Amino acid sequence: MNPAVEFVDINWAGRQIRIEHHWVNRHQSAGPLIIFLHEGLGSLSMWQDFPHRLCAAAACRGLVYSRPGYGRSTPRAREEALGTDFMHRQALEVLPALLDALGIDTTTDKPWLLGHSDGGSIALLYAAHFSSSIAGAVVLAPHILVEDISVCSIEKVRAAYLQTDLSQRLARHHDDPDSSFWGWNDIWLMPAFRLWTIEEEIGAIRCKLLAVQGLDDKYGTLEQIRGIARQVAQTELLELPCCGHSPQRDQPEKLIAAINGFVNKNHQQLNRAVRYAHDNTGL
């Protein structure tokens, strides 16, 4: 086991769940905290060195974790089928429970959320419901609605899982690859999930947003991030050419530069606002 990986228990879905997590620059208290939310088949280890590279460039702290059912976190129970609200439950139940278990006080240490794909949607949902508890969010290839291109690509991944060595390759990152894969794949291919959307819900977001999409993404179109911008006026868009569904792997240098500039610009603005409020209230 990697000694840098830690575990913490949370109570969720009627049982105790072990959450795998890793801190980056944990003791660099002056820098902002970025919480990394992985994709639908992702995990802590599948971020590879991106969190370290980003945190080094931006002088940030980082928290990377595997959601229940992924990585080395507690696998999904065999009889447990995810509902169409699975991303809502991760945003509104699991993430708050994890922050509490790790002693992260979002009233005094407002984190930034950085989510990829399903993790991006989870970040948006958390921001919509707890906007005053975070400094801002960066979302990479997020989903705000289900598109035909997404379903078609996910159907192809299902065939690959059944016919190739994809299960063995995922086993390098997940204790139970079947739990991870089918929990994600089954729900995305359910007919009822075609109606899933958070377009109106994200209109409640008040924090700063950076939304990123690759122009060659096979899991979503530019409508995903442009739809966010229509609902959330303070959104900044980054559309990356020669980039697929994973900007952190396809265009890491451009992405790190963009996130560094976005987070630190807004972190400084937030600090100035806090100092102004302090100076003018006599606290």
C-alpha atoms as a PDB file:
ATOM      1  CA  MET A   1       0.000   0.000   0.000  1.00  0.00           C
ATOM      2  CA  ASN A   2       1.196   3.519  -0.767  1.00  0.00           C
ATOM      3  CA  PRO A   3       2.028   5.034   2.656  1.00  0.00           C
ATOM      4  CA  ALA A   4       0.708   8.406   1.447  1.00  0.00           C
ATOM      5  CA  VAL A   5      -2.786   6.939   1.073  1.00  0.00           C
ATOM      6  CA  GLU A   6      -5.006   7.206   4.146  1.00  0.00           C
ATOM      7  CA  PHE A   7      -8.465   5.950   5.057  1.00  0.00           C
ATOM      8  CA  VAL A   8     -11.325   7.484   6.995  1.00  0.00           C
ATOM      9  CA  ASP A   9     -14.746   6.060   7.841  1.00  0.00           C
ATOM     10  CA  ILE A  10     -18.064   7.774   7.158  1.00  0.00           C
ATOM     11  CA  ASN A  11     -21.621   6.613   7.799  1.00  0.00           C
ATOM     12  CA  TRP A  12     -23.578   6.493   4.555  1.00  0.00           C
ATOM     13  CA  ALA A  13     -26.428   4.470   3.055  1.00  0.00           C
ATOM     14  CA  GLY A  14     -27.022   2.724   6.365  1.00  0.00           C
ATOM     15  CA  ARG A  15     -23.510   1.368   6.783  1.00  0.00           C
ATOM     16  CA  GLN A  16     -19.966   2.356   7.589  1.00  0.00           C
ATOM     17  CA  ILE A  17     -17.973   3.212   4.460  1.00  0.00           C
ATOM     18  CA  ARG A  18     -14.182   3.398   4.228  1.00  0.00           C
ATOM     19  CA  ILE A  19     -12.939   6.272   2.061  1.00  0.00           C
ATOM     20  CA  GLU A  20      -9.496   6.187   0.470  1.00  0.00           C
ATOM     21  CA  HIS A  21      -7.884   9.636   0.317  1.00  0.00           C
ATOM     22  CA  HIS A  22      -4.574  11.408  -0.143  1.00  0.00           C
ATOM     23  CA  TRP A  23      -3.381  14.873   0.852  1.00  0.00           C
ATOM     24  CA  VAL A  24      -1.110  17.009  -1.322  1.00  0.00           C
ATOM     25  CA  ASN A  25       0.931  19.760   0.392  1.00  0.00           C
ATOM     26  CA  ARG A  26      -1.212  19.151   3.477  1.00  0.00           C
ATOM     27  CA  HIS A  27       0.685  21.558   5.740  1.00  0.00           C
ATOM     28  CA  GLN A  28       0.839  24.452   3.275  1.00  0.00           C
ATOM     29  CA  SER A  29      -1.907  26.241   5.184  1.00  0.00           C
ATOM     30  CA  ALA A  30      -1.526  29.586   3.397  1.00  0.00           C
ATOM     31  CA  GLY A  31      -2.596  28.195   0.025  1.00  0.00           C
ATOM     32  CA  PRO A  32      -6.128  27.408  -1.109  1.00  0.00           C
ATOM     33  CA  LEU A  33      -7.447  23.851  -0.807  1.00  0.00           C
ATOM     34  CA  ILE A  34      -8.527  22.022  -3.982  1.00  0.00           C
ATOM     35  CA  ILE A  35     -10.696  18.896  -3.655  1.00  0.00           C
ATOM     36  CA  PHE A  36     -10.427  16.537  -6.644  1.00  0.00           C
ATOM     37  CA  LEU A  37     -13.583  14.670  -7.737  1.00  0.00           C
ATOM     38  CA  HIS A  38     -12.916  11.826 -10.158  1.00  0.00           C
ATOM     39  CA  GLU A  39     -14.780  10.623 -13.254  1.00  0.00           C
ATOM     40  CA  GLY A  40     -17.344   7.802 -13.504  1.00  0.00           C
ATOM     41  CA  LEU A  41     -14.720   5.044 -13.751  1.00  0.00           C
ATOM     42  CA  GLY A  42     -12.023   6.987 -11.942  1.00  0.00           C
ATOM     43  CA  SER A  43     -10.332   6.739  -8.587  1.00  0.00           C
ATOM     44  CA  LEU A  44      -7.611   8.390  -6.539  1.00  0.00           C
ATOM     45  CA  SER A  45      -4.851   6.583  -8.439  1.00  0.00           C
ATOM     46  CA  MET A  46      -6.282   7.355 -11.868  1.00  0.00           C
ATOM     47  CA  TRP A  47      -5.546  11.052 -11.388  1.00  0.00           C
ATOM     48  CA  GLN A  48      -1.883   9.953 -11.618  1.00  0.00           C
ATOM     49  CA  ASP A  49       0.441  12.915 -10.896  1.00  0.00           C
ATOM     50  CA  PHE A  50      -1.954  15.660 -12.011  1.00  0.00           C
ATOM     51  CA  PRO A  51      -2.981  16.789  -8.487  1.00  0.00           C
ATOM     52  CA  HIS A  52       0.684  17.095  -7.463  1.00  0.00           C
ATOM     53  CA  ARG A  53       1.590  19.008 -10.613  1.00  0.00           C
ATOM     54  CA  LEU A  54      -1.335  21.394 -10.247  1.00  0.00           C
ATOM     55  CA  CYS A  55      -0.817  21.995  -6.533  1.00  0.00           C
ATOM     56  CA  ALA A  56       2.901  22.643  -7.066  1.00  0.00           C
ATOM     57  CA  ALA A  57       2.186  25.169  -9.835  1.00  0.00           C
ATOM     58  CA  ALA A  58      -0.608  26.932  -7.957  1.00  0.00           C
ATOM     59  CA  ALA A  59       0.938  26.734  -4.452  1.00  0.00           C
ATOM     60  CA  CYS A  60      -2.211  24.943  -3.305  1.00  0.00           C
ATOM     61  CA  ARG A  61      -3.143  22.127  -0.988  1.00  0.00           C
ATOM     62  CA  GLY A  62      -5.015  19.191  -2.461  1.00  0.00           C
ATOM     63  CA  LEU A  63      -7.364  16.452  -1.279  1.00  0.00           C
ATOM     64  CA  VAL A  64      -7.887  13.505  -3.622  1.00  0.00           C
ATOM     65  CA  TYR A  65     -10.290  10.681  -2.759  1.00  0.00           C
ATOM     66  CA  SER A  66     -12.100   7.685  -4.214  1.00  0.00           C
ATOM     67  CA  ARG A  67     -15.865   7.712  -3.925  1.00  0.00           C
ATOM     68  CA  PRO A  68     -17.646   4.690  -2.386  1.00  0.00           C
ATOM     69  CA  GLY A  69     -17.473   1.825  -4.880  1.00  0.00           C
ATOM     70  CA  TYR A  70     -14.226   3.034  -6.459  1.00  0.00           C
ATOM     71  CA  GLY A  71     -10.509   2.645  -5.894  1.00  0.00           C
ATOM     72  CA  ARG A  72      -9.708   1.233  -2.465  1.00  0.00           C
ATOM     73  CA  SER A  73     -12.848   2.702  -0.884  1.00  0.00           C
ATOM     74  CA  THR A  74     -15.569   0.297   0.237  1.00  0.00           C
ATOM     75  CA  PRO A  75     -17.042  -1.442  -2.853  1.00  0.00           C
ATOM     76  CA  ARG A  76     -20.684  -1.129  -3.751  1.00  0.00           C
ATOM     77  CA  ALA A  77     -22.743  -3.925  -2.215  1.00  0.00           C
ATOM     78  CA  ARG A  78     -23.704  -6.557  -4.806  1.00  0.00           C
ATOM     79  CA  GLU A  79     -27.412  -6.022  -4.223  1.00  0.00           C
ATOM     80  CA  GLU A  80     -27.110  -2.222  -4.325  1.00  0.00           C
ATOM     81  CA  ALA A  81     -28.341  -0.636  -7.572  1.00  0.00           C
ATOM     82  CA  LEU A  82     -27.655   3.054  -8.035  1.00  0.00           C
ATOM     83  CA  GLY A  83     -30.586   5.348  -8.688  1.00  0.00           C
ATOM     84  CA  THR A  84     -30.807   8.200 -11.173  1.00  0.00           C
ATOM     85  CA  ASP A  85     -29.996  10.512  -8.260  1.00  0.00           C
ATOM     86  CA  PHE A  86     -26.568   8.913  -7.664  1.00  0.00           C
ATOM     87  CA  MET A  87     -24.633  12.102  -8.406  1.00  0.00           C
ATOM     88  CA  HIS A  88     -26.927  14.120  -6.134  1.00  0.00           C
ATOM     89  CA  ARG A  89     -26.269  11.671  -3.304  1.00  0.00           C
ATOM     90  CA  GLN A  90     -22.518  11.970  -3.794  1.00  0.00           C
ATOM     91  CA  ALA A  91     -22.727  15.773  -3.741  1.00  0.00           C
ATOM     92  CA  LEU A  92     -25.266  16.252  -0.970  1.00  0.00           C
ATOM     93  CA  GLU A  93     -24.486  13.279   1.303  1.00  0.00           C
ATOM     94  CA  VAL A  94     -21.056  11.712   0.741  1.00  0.00           C
ATOM     95  CA  LEU A  95     -18.949  14.830   0.191  1.00  0.00           C
ATOM     96  CA  PRO A  96     -20.339  16.704   3.238  1.00  0.00           C
ATOM     97  CA  ALA A  97     -19.825  13.566   5.361  1.00  0.00           C
ATOM     98  CA  LEU A  98     -16.228  13.263   4.160  1.00  0.00           C
ATOM     99  CA  LEU A  99     -15.466  16.925   4.861  1.00  0.00           C
ATOM    100  CA  ASP A 100     -16.872  16.502   8.363  1.00  0.00           C
ATOM    101  CA  ALA A 101     -14.912  13.293   8.990  1.00  0.00           C
ATOM    102  CA  LEU A 102     -11.664  14.983   7.911  1.00  0.00           C
ATOM    103  CA  GLY A 103     -12.316  18.053  10.034  1.00  0.00           C
ATOM    104  CA  ILE A 104     -12.512  20.486   7.105  1.00  0.00           C
ATOM    105  CA  ASP A 105     -14.432  23.552   8.310  1.00  0.00           C
ATOM    106  CA  THR A 106     -15.852  25.167   5.180  1.00  0.00           C
ATOM    107  CA  THR A 107     -16.801  28.302   7.106  1.00  0.00           C
ATOM    108  CA  THR A 108     -13.141  29.155   7.693  1.00  0.00           C
ATOM    109  CA  ASP A 109     -11.366  27.167   4.969  1.00  0.00           C
ATOM    110  CA  LYS A 110     -13.532  27.326   1.865  1.00  0.00           C
ATOM    111  CA  PRO A 111     -12.232  24.738  -0.625  1.00  0.00           C
ATOM    112  CA  TRP A 112     -12.186  24.792  -4.399  1.00  0.00           C
ATOM    113  CA  LEU A 113     -13.783  21.821  -6.128  1.00  0.00           C
ATOM    114  CA  LEU A 114     -12.161  20.324  -9.225  1.00  0.00           C
ATOM    115  CA  GLY A 115     -14.324  17.668 -10.837  1.00  0.00           C
ATOM    116  CA  HIS A 116     -13.929  15.587 -13.988  1.00  0.00           C
ATOM    117  CA  SER A 117     -16.903  14.166 -15.933  1.00  0.00           C
ATOM    118  CA  ASP A 118     -19.332  12.720 -13.332  1.00  0.00           C
ATOM    119  CA  GLY A 119     -17.112  14.402 -10.746  1.00  0.00           C
ATOM    120  CA  GLY A 120     -17.705  17.695 -12.540  1.00  0.00           C
ATOM    121  CA  SER A 121     -21.455  17.204 -12.255  1.00  0.00           C
ATOM    122  CA  ILE A 122     -21.045  16.401  -8.557  1.00  0.00           C
ATOM    123  CA  ALA A 123     -19.038  19.609  -8.116  1.00  0.00           C
ATOM    124  CA  LEU A 124     -21.800  21.615  -9.816  1.00  0.00           C
ATOM    125  CA  LEU A 125     -24.464  20.051  -7.604  1.00  0.00           C
ATOM    126  CA  TYR A 126     -22.489  20.754  -4.444  1.00  0.00           C
ATOM    127  CA  ALA A 127     -21.933  24.341  -5.600  1.00  0.00           C
ATOM    128  CA  ALA A 128     -25.651  24.769  -6.289  1.00  0.00           C
ATOM    129  CA  HIS A 129     -26.653  23.610  -2.810  1.00  0.00           C
ATOM    130  CA  PHE A 130     -23.675  24.798  -0.718  1.00  0.00           C
ATOM    131  CA  SER A 131     -22.473  27.784  -2.726  1.00  0.00           C
ATOM    132  CA  SER A 132     -21.416  29.736   0.368  1.00  0.00           C
ATOM    133  CA  SER A 133     -19.288  26.795   1.561  1.00  0.00           C
ATOM    134  CA  ILE A 134     -16.798  26.805  -1.333  1.00  0.00           C
ATOM    135  CA  ALA A 135     -14.520  29.374  -2.926  1.00  0.00           C
ATOM    136  CA  GLY A 136     -15.280  28.211  -6.460  1.00  0.00           C
ATOM    137  CA  ALA A 137     -15.216  25.253  -8.816  1.00  0.00           C
ATOM    138  CA  VAL A 138     -13.428  23.971 -11.896  1.00  0.00           C
ATOM    139  CA  VAL A 139     -15.317  21.383 -13.946  1.00  0.00           C
ATOM    140  CA  LEU A 140     -13.697  19.290 -16.685  1.00  0.00           C
ATOM    141  CA  ALA A 141     -16.027  17.711 -19.266  1.00  0.00           C
ATOM    142  CA  PRO A 142     -19.015  17.874 -16.894  1.00  0.00           C
ATOM    143  CA  HIS A 143     -22.509  16.591 -17.651  1.00  0.00           C
ATOM    144  CA  ILE A 144     -25.586  18.760 -17.131  1.00  0.00           C
ATOM    145  CA  LEU A 145     -27.798  16.600 -19.362  1.00  0.00           C
ATOM    146  CA  VAL A 146     -27.599  13.246 -21.142  1.00  0.00           C
ATOM    147  CA  GLU A 147     -26.629  13.458 -24.823  1.00  0.00           C
ATOM    148  CA  ASP A 148     -26.809  10.776 -27.515  1.00  0.00           C
ATOM    149  CA  ILE A 149     -23.019  10.943 -27.942  1.00  0.00           C
ATOM    150  CA  SER A 150     -22.576  10.064 -24.266  1.00  0.00           C
ATOM    151  CA  VAL A 151     -24.866   7.042 -24.407  1.00  0.00           C
ATOM    152  CA  CYS A 152     -23.295   5.771 -27.628  1.00  0.00           C
ATOM    153  CA  SER A 153     -19.775   5.952 -26.190  1.00  0.00           C
ATOM    154  CA  ILE A 154     -20.826   4.319 -22.935  1.00  0.00           C
ATOM    155  CA  GLU A 155     -22.428   1.459 -24.882  1.00  0.00           C
ATOM    156  CA  LYS A 156     -19.069   0.932 -26.614  1.00  0.00           C
ATOM    157  CA  VAL A 157     -17.292   0.853 -23.256  1.00  0.00           C
ATOM    158  CA  ARG A 158     -19.737  -1.827 -22.087  1.00  0.00           C
ATOM    159  CA  ALA A 159     -18.827  -3.986 -25.100  1.00  0.00           C
ATOM    160  CA  ALA A 160     -15.131  -3.446 -24.392  1.00  0.00           C
ATOM    161  CA  TYR A 161     -15.580  -4.508 -20.760  1.00  0.00           C
ATOM    162  CA  LEU A 162     -17.245  -7.746 -21.855  1.00  0.00           C
ATOM    163  CA  GLN A 163     -14.917  -8.538 -24.752  1.00  0.00           C
ATOM    164  CA  THR A 164     -11.450  -7.197 -23.880  1.00  0.00           C
ATOM    165  CA  ASP A 165      -9.042  -6.995 -20.928  1.00  0.00           C
ATOM    166  CA  LEU A 166     -10.602  -3.749 -19.652  1.00  0.00           C
ATOM    167  CA  SER A 167     -11.607  -5.461 -16.403  1.00  0.00           C
ATOM    168  CA  GLN A 168      -7.989  -6.475 -15.723  1.00  0.00           C
ATOM    169  CA  ARG A 169      -6.757  -2.974 -16.498  1.00  0.00           C
ATOM    170  CA  LEU A 170      -9.320  -1.417 -14.164  1.00  0.00           C
ATOM    171  CA  ALA A 171      -8.282  -3.858 -11.431  1.00  0.00           C
ATOM    172  CA  ARG A 172      -5.041  -1.878 -11.119  1.00  0.00           C
ATOM    173  CA  HIS A 173      -7.115   1.014  -9.795  1.00  0.00           C
ATOM    174  CA  HIS A 174     -10.154  -0.603  -8.121  1.00  0.00           C
ATOM    175  CA  ASP A 175     -10.391  -3.323  -5.466  1.00  0.00           C
ATOM    176  CA  ASP A 176     -13.602  -4.526  -7.126  1.00  0.00           C
ATOM    177  CA  PRO A 177     -13.637  -3.511 -10.811  1.00  0.00           C
ATOM    178  CA  ASP A 178     -17.036  -5.142 -11.406  1.00  0.00           C
ATOM    179  CA  SER A 179     -18.555  -3.026  -8.646  1.00  0.00           C
ATOM    180  CA  SER A 180     -17.010   0.116 -10.097  1.00  0.00           C
ATOM    181  CA  PHE A 181     -17.858  -0.608 -13.713  1.00  0.00           C
ATOM    182  CA  TRP A 182     -21.416  -1.873 -13.462  1.00  0.00           C
ATOM    183  CA  GLY A 183     -22.403   0.711 -10.878  1.00  0.00           C
ATOM    184  CA  TRP A 184     -21.505   3.391 -13.420  1.00  0.00           C
ATOM    185  CA  ASN A 185     -22.388   1.699 -16.720  1.00  0.00           C
ATOM    186  CA  ASP A 186     -25.778   0.284 -15.737  1.00  0.00           C
ATOM    187  CA  ILE A 187     -27.174   3.602 -14.554  1.00  0.00           C
ATOM    188  CA  TRP A 188     -25.936   5.598 -17.552  1.00  0.00           C
ATOM    189  CA  LEU A 189     -27.597   3.111 -19.940  1.00  0.00           C
ATOM    190  CA  MET A 190     -30.931   2.977 -18.089  1.00  0.00           C
ATOM    191  CA  PRO A 191     -33.756   4.390 -20.248  1.00  0.00           C
ATOM    192  CA  ALA A 192     -34.937   6.472 -17.281  1.00  0.00           C
ATOM    193  CA  PHE A 193     -31.556   8.176 -17.038  1.00  0.00           C
ATOM    194  CA  ARG A 194     -31.997   9.716 -20.497  1.00  0.00           C
ATOM    195  CA  LEU A 195     -34.228  12.305 -18.792  1.00  0.00           C
ATOM    196  CA  TRP A 196     -31.601  13.248 -16.213  1.00  0.00           C
ATOM    197  CA  THR A 197     -30.690  16.941 -16.208  1.00  0.00           C
ATOM    198  CA  ILE A 198     -29.382  19.537 -13.758  1.00  0.00           C
ATOM    199  CA  GLU A 199     -29.683  22.501 -16.117  1.00  0.00           C
ATOM    200  CA  GLU A 200     -32.148  24.460 -13.975  1.00  0.00           C
ATOM    201  CA  GLU A 201     -30.678  23.336 -10.662  1.00  0.00           C
ATOM    202  CA  ILE A 202     -27.246  24.843 -11.324  1.00  0.00           C
ATOM    203  CA  GLY A 203     -28.806  28.280 -11.701  1.00  0.00           C
ATOM    204  CA  ALA A 204     -28.462  28.570  -7.916  1.00  0.00           C
ATOM    205  CA  ILE A 205     -24.637  28.615  -8.128  1.00  0.00           C
ATOM    206  CA  ARG A 206     -23.133  31.867  -6.846  1.00  0.00           C
ATOM    207  CA  CYS A 207     -19.426  31.017  -6.687  1.00  0.00           C
ATOM    208  CA  LYS A 208     -16.856  31.432  -9.480  1.00  0.00           C
ATOM    209  CA  LEU A 209     -16.767  28.688 -12.119  1.00  0.00           C
ATOM    210  CA  LEU A 210     -14.300  27.573 -14.765  1.00  0.00           C
ATOM    211  CA  ALA A 211     -15.820  25.054 -17.203  1.00  0.00           C
ATOM    212  CA  VAL A 212     -13.500  23.132 -19.554  1.00  0.00           C
ATOM    213  CA  GLN A 213     -14.346  20.967 -22.564  1.00  0.00           C
ATOM    214  CA  GLY A 214     -12.194  19.247 -25.158  1.00  0.00           C
ATOM    215  CA  LEU A 215     -13.322  19.753 -28.743  1.00  0.00           C
ATOM    216  CA  ASP A 216     -12.759  16.040 -29.465  1.00  0.00           C
ATOM    217  CA  ASP A 217     -14.678  14.729 -26.454  1.00  0.00           C
ATOM    218  CA  LYS A 218     -16.552  11.520 -27.330  1.00  0.00           C
ATOM    219  CA  TYR A 219     -18.676  11.707 -24.184  1.00  0.00           C
ATOM    220  CA  GLY A 220     -20.159  15.175 -24.549  1.00  0.00           C
ATOM    221  CA  THR A 221     -20.435  18.255 -26.729  1.00  0.00           C
ATOM    222  CA  LEU A 222     -19.742  21.931 -26.091  1.00  0.00           C
ATOM    223  CA  GLU A 223     -23.411  22.277 -25.192  1.00  0.00           C
ATOM    224  CA  GLN A 224     -22.513  20.911 -21.757  1.00  0.00           C
ATOM    225  CA  ILE A 225     -20.303  23.843 -20.742  1.00  0.00           C
ATOM    226  CA  ARG A 226     -22.118  26.448 -22.819  1.00  0.00           C
ATOM    227  CA  GLY A 227     -25.300  25.364 -21.078  1.00  0.00           C
ATOM    228  CA  ILE A 228     -23.586  26.032 -17.752  1.00  0.00           C
ATOM    229  CA  ALA A 229     -22.612  29.538 -18.908  1.00  0.00           C
ATOM    230  CA  ARG A 230     -26.235  30.312 -19.814  1.00  0.00           C
ATOM    231  CA  GLN A 231     -27.368  29.401 -16.310  1.00  0.00           C
ATOM    232  CA  VAL A 232     -24.393  30.736 -14.299  1.00  0.00           C
ATOM    233  CA  ALA A 233     -23.332  34.204 -15.473  1.00  0.00           C
ATOM    234  CA  GLN A 234     -19.954  34.174 -13.688  1.00  0.00           C
ATOM    235  CA  THR A 235     -18.755  31.105 -15.610  1.00  0.00           C
ATOM    236  CA  GLU A 236     -15.496  31.259 -17.551  1.00  0.00           C
ATOM    237  CA  LEU A 237     -15.221  28.828 -20.468  1.00  0.00           C
ATOM    238  CA  LEU A 238     -12.148  27.050 -21.783  1.00  0.00           C
ATOM    239  CA  GLU A 239     -12.591  25.092 -25.016  1.00  0.00           C
ATOM    240  CA  LEU A 240      -9.520  23.016 -25.841  1.00  0.00           C
ATOM    241  CA  PRO A 241      -8.689  21.854 -29.393  1.00  0.00           C
ATOM    242  CA  CYS A 242      -6.976  18.478 -29.907  1.00  0.00           C
ATOM    243  CA  CYS A 243      -8.413  17.342 -26.580  1.00  0.00           C
ATOM    244  CA  GLY A 244     -10.743  14.476 -25.695  1.00  0.00           C
ATOM    245  CA  HIS A 245     -12.724  13.681 -22.557  1.00  0.00           C
ATOM    246  CA  SER A 246      -9.780  14.012 -20.156  1.00  0.00           C
ATOM    247  CA  PRO A 247      -8.107  17.446 -20.405  1.00  0.00           C
ATOM    248  CA  GLN A 248      -5.849  16.590 -17.456  1.00  0.00           C
ATOM    249  CA  ARG A 249      -4.260  13.860 -19.602  1.00  0.00           C
ATOM    250  CA  ASP A 250      -4.591  15.339 -23.103  1.00  0.00           C
ATOM    251  CA  GLN A 251      -3.670  18.984 -22.399  1.00  0.00           C
ATOM    252  CA  PRO A 252      -2.155  19.041 -18.879  1.00  0.00           C
ATOM    253  CA  GLU A 253       0.122  22.060 -19.346  1.00  0.00           C
ATOM    254  CA  LYS A 254      -2.611  24.302 -20.756  1.00  0.00           C
ATOM    255  CA  LEU A 255      -5.049  23.103 -18.127  1.00  0.00           C
ATOM    256  CA  ILE A 256      -2.670  23.660 -15.222  1.00  0.00           C
ATOM    257  CA  ALA A 257      -1.878  27.170 -16.444  1.00  0.00           C
ATOM    258  CA  ALA A 258      -5.582  27.996 -16.789  1.00  0.00           C
ATOM    259  CA  ILE A 259      -6.555  26.607 -13.366  1.00  0.00           C
ATOM    260  CA  ASN A 260      -3.561  28.262 -11.697  1.00  0.00           C
ATOM    261  CA  GLY A 261      -4.563  31.646 -13.090  1.00  0.00           C
ATOM    262  CA  PHE A 262      -8.256  31.162 -12.315  1.00  0.00           C
ATOM    263  CA  VAL A 263      -7.859  29.925  -8.743  1.00  0.00           C
ATOM    264  CA  ASN A 264      -5.173  32.377  -7.646  1.00  0.00           C
ATOM    265  CA  LYS A 265      -6.876  35.412  -9.226  1.00  0.00           C
ATOM    266  CA  ASN A 266     -10.116  34.640  -7.443  1.00  0.00           C
ATOM    267  CA  HIS A 267      -8.368  33.536  -4.222  1.00  0.00           C
ATOM    268  CA  GLN A 268      -6.712  36.937  -4.010  1.00  0.00           C
ATOM    269  CA  GLN A 269     -10.029  38.686  -4.658  1.00  0.00           C
ATOM    270  CA  LEU A 270     -11.687  36.667  -1.911  1.00  0.00           C
ATOM    271  CA  ASN A 271      -8.892  37.499   0.520  1.00  0.00           C
ATOM    272  CA  ARG A 272      -9.222  41.215  -0.258  1.00  0.00           C
ATOM    273  CA  ALA A 273     -12.993  41.007   0.308  1.00  0.00           C
ATOM    274  CA  VAL A 274     -12.474  39.266   3.653  1.00  0.00           C
ATOM    275  CA  ARG A 275      -9.922  41.894   4.763  1.00  0.00           C
ATOM    276  CA  TYR A 276     -12.259  44.709   3.676  1.00  0.00           C
ATOM    277  CA  ALA A 277     -15.148  43.210   5.625  1.00  0.00           C
ATOM    278  CA  HIS A 278     -12.907  42.750   8.667  1.00  0.00           C
ATOM    279  CA  ASP A 279     -11.596  46.331   8.521  1.00  0.00           C
ATOM    280  CA  ASN A 280     -15.071  47.813   8.150  1.00  0.00           C
ATOM    281  CA  THR A 281     -16.833  45.844  10.871  1.00  0.00           C
ATOM    282  CA  GLY A 282     -14.263  46.432  13.586  1.00  0.00           C
ATOM    283  CA  LEU A 283     -13.892  42.700  14.236  1.00  0.00           C
END
